[in-house]
Amino acid sequence: MQFIDQANIILKAGKGGNGIVSFRREKFVPAGGPSGGNGGKGGSIILIADSNLQTLLDFKFNREILAKDGIKGGPNKRTGASGENTILKVPCGTQVRDIQSGIILGDLTQDNQRLIVAYGGRGGHGNAYYLSNENRAPESFTEGGEGEIWEVQLELKLLAEVGIIGLPNAGKSTLISVLSSARPKIANYPFTTLIPNLGVVRKSDGNGCLFADIPGLISGASRGVGLGHDFLRHIQRTKLLIHLIDAIADNPIDDFEIIEEELKKYGNGLIDKKRIVVLNKIELVDEDYLRKITKKLENLSKKKVFVISSSLRKGLSVLLSEVWKKI
């Protein structure tokens, strides 16, 4: 399945049905009155959040979506049928933005949450509607109203409570795989992870929360360099960030500062989010070096630095205890 987290689409609600002009023509009724019925309402376009979906792929090649028009009125004051609504299912976490004004029309964060984006046009009135004491044989009617047209951007922002960030090869995918049942593709080259990986990490009592491995953050990500700019939006909703640092990198201190700078430059409150600093792959460095790097990171970040080995599953219970405490 291809991961698509943005899509621009045009939504066109249905036109209302026209009213009609009609007069009763019944046997033994020499002066039948007006009987033209009203038109039916045009169909609306409704978005519904579905927790089973994780991508906006359905909208990649379907740029224009229409709802059905209402049916015109009938004789004998029959109202035309309303146009069928068009229901679009989107992943939980989908934000709907009007492209022209930039206004957010809705934010679908709960399963089965509904948002009517484009309302169908009202049905027109038939001539029976205009009957009055002053006008016993009206020949007036109105056409159905046009349905709303919106050009919107759908933007998916994952609803993970905990985001794992860090440079490529810091071990984010390995960490989420050992903490949860997620099975991401893992290899030893940059940008192994091309989409965010999600996994549920459970507490001892069975409760848990959703973790997300955010890929592709490198220097310049906030300006669109690499893959990171595409995925920085996904950590906007998180309550907590785990900043993972590779202990065997050429310069772990520089790696830490690169990611912190990108969070600051991207804005949207990312730099203010609660963060846990974690040094990974400790099994590959000696103890003296580990103490030295840990001390430098603590002085720089003003936070306690947790040391772990994802592959050996060392230090994970202490890390998770801190996570549960923070969230």
Foldseek 3Di string as FASTA:
>chain_A
DDAAFKAKAKEFWAWWAWWAWDFDDDPPPPGTFTFIAWWAWTAFEKEFAAQVDRHPVVRHPVRYDYWYYTHYTDGNHRYTHYTHYHYHYDHAQKWKAFPVPRDTQDGRHDHGDMDGDKTTWHIKGYQVVVDDPVDRHDRDIGGTGTIDMTTIMIGGADQFQEEEDFFFPLCLQLQQVLQFVWDQDDDPDACSDQDKTWGWGADPVGDTTIYIYQHWDFQCVLVPPTRRVVGPRNCLNYQEYEYGFELPDPDRVVRVVRVLVSLVSNDSCSNVHHYAYEYEPVVVDDPVSVVVNQVVVCVVVVHHYFYYYSVVGPRVVVVVVVVVVSD
